[in-house]
Structures are given as structure tokens and as C-alpha cells.
Amino acid sequence: MSKNTDCYDNLENEFDEQTSEDAYIEAKWSNLQQFTMDEFLECKHTKNLLEQEWDHSFETTTQGEIEEIFTSFAKDMDYSGSNVLALADERHSENLLELVRHHIDKQYSLQIFADNPELAEPVCYKRNEAFEQRLLLKKETQKKEAQKKCNKKCNKQFNWLTKKYT
């Protein structure tokens, strides 16, 4: 295994027991800020956490507002004598919410990882695994190249008549 086994290893050495937990969490978070959103979304664990957090945020903020707008619009149409939304009910509101949820551009917040950096450890492990795989692949290609060079040199035979290698 390589030296780079955990993105938090160096932090544990820098902080002694007297250092506050908040400073330690802040240091972990600053270390996590080197990761891109794509790296968080590539990892199944962190992707699930981000999606759950987004769903919760959508349900607590946007969903109520959309339902309120829909019901007020349906009431306005009811009193206007129009039959556009005459039969609108909760089911239609839920359908509208699903359309919005599906087509909205999801802006994920990394605040959950700022508050609890331990939740992002799988991203660190995934990056370390990718680093180790690249390192192994590089070693394998170097080994193959060295073997090719050796085969070129080792497979030559000396011709005693011409006194040259062929």
C-alpha cells in the first residue's frame, strides 16, 4: 500500500489532544475542499448523502412554496369562472412537484461535510484507491517496457562469420 493511505493521516499528527475538536473539524474540512463536486458525486455514499440533503431542502423550502402557489392559482381560476383548473386537486399539485423536482437544476450543498467531515471519508478512500491503481498501472507499463528492451538485447545472437549480433 502506498504512503498516501488516508487524506486525514497528516492531520492526526498535527493536532494533539489539547487542540479543540472544532479546530480539528475545520482542518479536516479545509482538507476536503480540495475535492471537486464531481468527485463527491462519483462516490455512491457521498452522492446518496448529497441527494438526501437536497431532497430534504427541497421538501422544506421549495415544495411548500410551489404547493401554495398552485392552490392559490387554482382558487383564483375557480373564482374567475374559468375551467382551466376547475378539477385541480392534490394529485395535480403532486404531479407538478414531481415535474419540478425532475427538471430543476440541483445545486448540492457541501455544508453537511463541513459540519461532519467524517461523512466524506469514502471520497478520500476512493481517491487513494484511484491513485494506487494509477501507480500500479505505471509500474506494470514500466516493467513491460523494460522486458521489451531486455528481449531486444537478449534475443540477439552472435554471428561468428560476420562477427556481429543479429
C-alpha atoms as a PDB file:
ATOM      1  CA  MET A   1       0.000   0.000   0.000  1.00  0.00           C
ATOM      2  CA  SER A   2       1.253   3.491  -0.723  1.00  0.00           C
ATOM      3  CA  LYS A   3       2.191   6.170   1.778  1.00  0.00           C
ATOM      4  CA  ASN A   4      -0.944   8.132   0.911  1.00  0.00           C
ATOM      5  CA  THR A   5      -3.487   5.892   2.656  1.00  0.00           C
ATOM      6  CA  ASP A   6      -5.807   8.445   4.189  1.00  0.00           C
ATOM      7  CA  CYS A   7      -6.346  12.114   3.455  1.00  0.00           C
ATOM      8  CA  TYR A   8      -6.558  12.751   7.211  1.00  0.00           C
ATOM      9  CA  ASP A   9      -3.343  10.982   8.281  1.00  0.00           C
ATOM     10  CA  ASN A  10      -1.250  14.127   8.358  1.00  0.00           C
ATOM     11  CA  LEU A  11      -3.925  15.987  10.327  1.00  0.00           C
ATOM     12  CA  GLU A  12      -3.914  13.462  13.158  1.00  0.00           C
ATOM     13  CA  ASN A  13      -0.213  14.048  13.650  1.00  0.00           C
ATOM     14  CA  GLU A  14      -0.542  17.834  13.674  1.00  0.00           C
ATOM     15  CA  PHE A  15      -3.245  18.012  16.345  1.00  0.00           C
ATOM     16  CA  ASP A  16      -2.626  16.860  19.871  1.00  0.00           C
ATOM     17  CA  GLU A  17      -5.281  16.110  22.454  1.00  0.00           C
ATOM     18  CA  GLN A  18      -5.324  19.686  23.724  1.00  0.00           C
ATOM     19  CA  THR A  19      -6.480  21.067  20.382  1.00  0.00           C
ATOM     20  CA  SER A  20     -10.177  21.751  20.262  1.00  0.00           C
ATOM     21  CA  GLU A  21     -12.444  19.472  18.288  1.00  0.00           C
ATOM     22  CA  ASP A  22     -13.743  22.445  16.295  1.00  0.00           C
ATOM     23  CA  ALA A  23     -10.251  23.271  15.058  1.00  0.00           C
ATOM     24  CA  TYR A  24      -9.728  19.637  14.093  1.00  0.00           C
ATOM     25  CA  ILE A  25     -13.047  19.545  12.179  1.00  0.00           C
ATOM     26  CA  GLU A  26     -12.166  22.831  10.495  1.00  0.00           C
ATOM     27  CA  ALA A  27      -8.805  21.424   9.414  1.00  0.00           C
ATOM     28  CA  LYS A  28     -10.486  18.298   8.038  1.00  0.00           C
ATOM     29  CA  TRP A  29     -12.958  20.459   6.128  1.00  0.00           C
ATOM     30  CA  SER A  30     -10.189  22.586   4.633  1.00  0.00           C
ATOM     31  CA  ASN A  31      -8.537  19.332   3.515  1.00  0.00           C
ATOM     32  CA  LEU A  32     -11.819  18.196   1.895  1.00  0.00           C
ATOM     33  CA  GLN A  33     -12.151  21.420  -0.057  1.00  0.00           C
ATOM     34  CA  GLN A  34      -9.536  20.122  -2.494  1.00  0.00           C
ATOM     35  CA  PHE A  35     -12.160  17.709  -3.861  1.00  0.00           C
ATOM     36  CA  THR A  36     -14.490  18.730  -6.657  1.00  0.00           C
ATOM     37  CA  MET A  37     -18.252  18.285  -6.642  1.00  0.00           C
ATOM     38  CA  ASP A  38     -17.833  15.626  -9.337  1.00  0.00           C
ATOM     39  CA  GLU A  39     -15.641  13.575  -7.001  1.00  0.00           C
ATOM     40  CA  PHE A  40     -18.301  13.767  -4.292  1.00  0.00           C
ATOM     41  CA  LEU A  41     -20.945  12.681  -6.810  1.00  0.00           C
ATOM     42  CA  GLU A  42     -18.844   9.796  -8.179  1.00  0.00           C
ATOM     43  CA  CYS A  43     -18.737   8.182  -4.746  1.00  0.00           C
ATOM     44  CA  LYS A  44     -22.024   6.345  -4.056  1.00  0.00           C
ATOM     45  CA  HIS A  45     -22.007   7.054  -0.322  1.00  0.00           C
ATOM     46  CA  THR A  46     -21.480  10.801  -0.580  1.00  0.00           C
ATOM     47  CA  LYS A  47     -23.816  11.048  -3.589  1.00  0.00           C
ATOM     48  CA  ASN A  48     -26.609   9.472  -1.537  1.00  0.00           C
ATOM     49  CA  LEU A  49     -25.949  11.892   1.313  1.00  0.00           C
ATOM     50  CA  LEU A  50     -25.973  14.903  -1.028  1.00  0.00           C
ATOM     51  CA  GLU A  51     -29.182  13.744  -2.702  1.00  0.00           C
ATOM     52  CA  GLN A  52     -30.890  13.151   0.651  1.00  0.00           C
ATOM     53  CA  GLU A  53     -29.815  16.572   1.847  1.00  0.00           C
ATOM     54  CA  TRP A  54     -31.083  18.161  -1.386  1.00  0.00           C
ATOM     55  CA  ASP A  55     -34.424  16.310  -1.111  1.00  0.00           C
ATOM     56  CA  HIS A  56     -34.820  17.481   2.480  1.00  0.00           C
ATOM     57  CA  SER A  57     -34.017  21.056   1.491  1.00  0.00           C
ATOM     58  CA  PHE A  58     -36.462  20.871  -1.437  1.00  0.00           C
ATOM     59  CA  GLU A  59     -39.234  19.497   0.769  1.00  0.00           C
ATOM     60  CA  THR A  60     -38.743  22.088   3.499  1.00  0.00           C
ATOM     61  CA  THR A  61     -38.406  25.159   1.299  1.00  0.00           C
ATOM     62  CA  THR A  62     -39.456  24.847  -2.322  1.00  0.00           C
ATOM     63  CA  GLN A  63     -42.202  22.232  -2.051  1.00  0.00           C
ATOM     64  CA  GLY A  64     -44.341  24.311   0.307  1.00  0.00           C
ATOM     65  CA  GLU A  65     -43.988  27.395  -1.877  1.00  0.00           C
ATOM     66  CA  ILE A  66     -44.976  25.522  -5.046  1.00  0.00           C
ATOM     67  CA  GLU A  67     -47.994  23.954  -3.344  1.00  0.00           C
ATOM     68  CA  GLU A  68     -49.051  27.347  -2.035  1.00  0.00           C
ATOM     69  CA  ILE A  69     -48.732  28.973  -5.464  1.00  0.00           C
ATOM     70  CA  PHE A  70     -50.617  26.109  -7.120  1.00  0.00           C
ATOM     71  CA  THR A  71     -53.518  26.186  -4.654  1.00  0.00           C
ATOM     72  CA  SER A  72     -53.820  29.981  -4.812  1.00  0.00           C
ATOM     73  CA  PHE A  73     -53.745  29.860  -8.622  1.00  0.00           C
ATOM     74  CA  ALA A  74     -56.366  27.079  -8.632  1.00  0.00           C
ATOM     75  CA  LYS A  75     -58.603  29.143  -6.287  1.00  0.00           C
ATOM     76  CA  ASP A  76     -58.181  32.228  -8.481  1.00  0.00           C
ATOM     77  CA  MET A  77     -59.204  30.190 -11.515  1.00  0.00           C
ATOM     78  CA  ASP A  78     -62.165  28.788  -9.577  1.00  0.00           C
ATOM     79  CA  TYR A  79     -63.477  32.270  -8.788  1.00  0.00           C
ATOM     80  CA  SER A  80     -62.815  33.634 -12.251  1.00  0.00           C
ATOM     81  CA  GLY A  81     -65.310  31.310 -13.889  1.00  0.00           C
ATOM     82  CA  SER A  82     -62.589  29.674 -15.972  1.00  0.00           C
ATOM     83  CA  ASN A  83     -62.498  25.934 -16.321  1.00  0.00           C
ATOM     84  CA  VAL A  84     -58.716  25.729 -16.761  1.00  0.00           C
ATOM     85  CA  LEU A  85     -58.069  24.315 -13.270  1.00  0.00           C
ATOM     86  CA  ALA A  86     -61.644  23.563 -12.299  1.00  0.00           C
ATOM     87  CA  LEU A  87     -60.927  19.976 -11.272  1.00  0.00           C
ATOM     88  CA  ALA A  88     -57.451  20.580  -9.833  1.00  0.00           C
ATOM     89  CA  ASP A  89     -56.729  18.765  -6.586  1.00  0.00           C
ATOM     90  CA  GLU A  90     -53.792  17.473  -4.512  1.00  0.00           C
ATOM     91  CA  ARG A  91     -52.897  14.895  -7.128  1.00  0.00           C
ATOM     92  CA  HIS A  92     -52.231  17.626  -9.700  1.00  0.00           C
ATOM     93  CA  SER A  93     -50.131  19.515  -7.183  1.00  0.00           C
ATOM     94  CA  GLU A  94     -48.030  16.383  -6.554  1.00  0.00           C
ATOM     95  CA  ASN A  95     -47.588  15.869 -10.302  1.00  0.00           C
ATOM     96  CA  LEU A  96     -46.394  19.448 -10.660  1.00  0.00           C
ATOM     97  CA  LEU A  97     -43.947  18.938  -7.777  1.00  0.00           C
ATOM     98  CA  GLU A  98     -42.538  15.803  -9.409  1.00  0.00           C
ATOM     99  CA  LEU A  99     -42.073  17.660 -12.695  1.00  0.00           C
ATOM    100  CA  VAL A 100     -40.264  20.486 -10.951  1.00  0.00           C
ATOM    101  CA  ARG A 101     -38.161  18.067  -8.877  1.00  0.00           C
ATOM    102  CA  HIS A 102     -37.152  16.148 -12.002  1.00  0.00           C
ATOM    103  CA  HIS A 103     -36.307  19.132 -14.203  1.00  0.00           C
ATOM    104  CA  ILE A 104     -34.765  21.525 -11.704  1.00  0.00           C
ATOM    105  CA  ASP A 105     -31.007  22.062 -11.774  1.00  0.00           C
ATOM    106  CA  LYS A 106     -29.878  20.534  -8.497  1.00  0.00           C
ATOM    107  CA  GLN A 107     -27.399  22.683  -6.628  1.00  0.00           C
ATOM    108  CA  TYR A 108     -25.922  20.447  -3.955  1.00  0.00           C
ATOM    109  CA  SER A 109     -24.568  21.940  -0.758  1.00  0.00           C
ATOM    110  CA  LEU A 110     -21.394  20.588   0.805  1.00  0.00           C
ATOM    111  CA  GLN A 111     -22.340  22.041   4.179  1.00  0.00           C
ATOM    112  CA  ILE A 112     -23.120  18.553   5.517  1.00  0.00           C
ATOM    113  CA  PHE A 113     -19.452  17.654   5.012  1.00  0.00           C
ATOM    114  CA  ALA A 114     -18.297  20.926   6.558  1.00  0.00           C
ATOM    115  CA  ASP A 115     -20.265  20.053   9.695  1.00  0.00           C
ATOM    116  CA  ASN A 116     -19.320  16.339   9.668  1.00  0.00           C
ATOM    117  CA  PRO A 117     -16.110  15.752   7.666  1.00  0.00           C
ATOM    118  CA  GLU A 118     -16.078  12.078   8.665  1.00  0.00           C
ATOM    119  CA  LEU A 119     -19.021  11.520   6.308  1.00  0.00           C
ATOM    120  CA  ALA A 120     -16.744  12.315   3.363  1.00  0.00           C
ATOM    121  CA  GLU A 121     -14.088   9.714   4.171  1.00  0.00           C
ATOM    122  CA  PRO A 122     -15.244   7.397   1.349  1.00  0.00           C
ATOM    123  CA  VAL A 123     -14.260  10.115  -1.137  1.00  0.00           C
ATOM    124  CA  CYS A 124     -10.759  10.137   0.331  1.00  0.00           C
ATOM    125  CA  TYR A 125     -10.543   6.363   0.115  1.00  0.00           C
ATOM    126  CA  LYS A 126     -11.808   6.400  -3.464  1.00  0.00           C
ATOM    127  CA  ARG A 127      -9.176   8.964  -4.465  1.00  0.00           C
ATOM    128  CA  ASN A 128      -6.477   6.936  -2.726  1.00  0.00           C
ATOM    129  CA  GLU A 129      -7.603   3.756  -4.493  1.00  0.00           C
ATOM    130  CA  ALA A 130      -7.504   5.547  -7.841  1.00  0.00           C
ATOM    131  CA  PHE A 131      -4.024   6.865  -7.009  1.00  0.00           C
ATOM    132  CA  GLU A 132      -2.837   3.363  -6.109  1.00  0.00           C
ATOM    133  CA  GLN A 133      -4.329   1.908  -9.300  1.00  0.00           C
ATOM    134  CA  ARG A 134      -2.550   4.536 -11.403  1.00  0.00           C
ATOM    135  CA  LEU A 135       0.657   3.765  -9.560  1.00  0.00           C
ATOM    136  CA  LEU A 136       0.285   0.011 -10.178  1.00  0.00           C
ATOM    137  CA  LEU A 137      -0.530   0.605 -13.837  1.00  0.00           C
ATOM    138  CA  LYS A 138       2.535   2.808 -14.186  1.00  0.00           C
ATOM    139  CA  LYS A 139       4.740   0.141 -12.581  1.00  0.00           C
ATOM    140  CA  GLU A 140       3.295  -2.535 -14.871  1.00  0.00           C
ATOM    141  CA  THR A 141       3.938  -0.475 -18.001  1.00  0.00           C
ATOM    142  CA  GLN A 142       7.488   0.272 -16.862  1.00  0.00           C
ATOM    143  CA  LYS A 143       8.046  -3.418 -16.251  1.00  0.00           C
ATOM    144  CA  LYS A 144       6.710  -4.323 -19.713  1.00  0.00           C
ATOM    145  CA  GLU A 145       8.897  -1.695 -21.362  1.00  0.00           C
ATOM    146  CA  ALA A 146      11.961  -2.968 -19.508  1.00  0.00           C
ATOM    147  CA  GLN A 147      11.094  -6.510 -20.542  1.00  0.00           C
ATOM    148  CA  LYS A 148      10.779  -5.445 -24.189  1.00  0.00           C
ATOM    149  CA  LYS A 149      14.192  -3.745 -24.050  1.00  0.00           C
ATOM    150  CA  CYS A 150      15.719  -6.790 -22.435  1.00  0.00           C
ATOM    151  CA  ASN A 151      14.156  -9.090 -25.038  1.00  0.00           C
ATOM    152  CA  LYS A 152      15.608  -6.979 -27.833  1.00  0.00           C
ATOM    153  CA  LYS A 153      19.088  -7.180 -26.318  1.00  0.00           C
ATOM    154  CA  CYS A 154      18.882 -10.734 -25.025  1.00  0.00           C
ATOM    155  CA  ASN A 155      17.488 -12.342 -28.159  1.00  0.00           C
ATOM    156  CA  LYS A 156      20.383 -11.257 -30.331  1.00  0.00           C
ATOM    157  CA  GLN A 157      22.715 -13.961 -31.470  1.00  0.00           C
ATOM    158  CA  PHE A 158      26.317 -13.534 -32.332  1.00  0.00           C
ATOM    159  CA  ASN A 159      27.214 -14.452 -35.886  1.00  0.00           C
ATOM    160  CA  TRP A 160      30.831 -15.685 -35.868  1.00  0.00           C
ATOM    161  CA  LEU A 161      31.215 -15.305 -39.595  1.00  0.00           C
ATOM    162  CA  THR A 162      30.322 -11.619 -39.693  1.00  0.00           C
ATOM    163  CA  LYS A 163      31.344 -11.042 -36.061  1.00  0.00           C
ATOM    164  CA  LYS A 164      28.153  -9.061 -35.405  1.00  0.00           C
ATOM    165  CA  TYR A 165      24.980  -9.549 -33.385  1.00  0.00           C
ATOM    166  CA  THR A 166      21.862 -10.324 -35.370  1.00  0.00           C
END
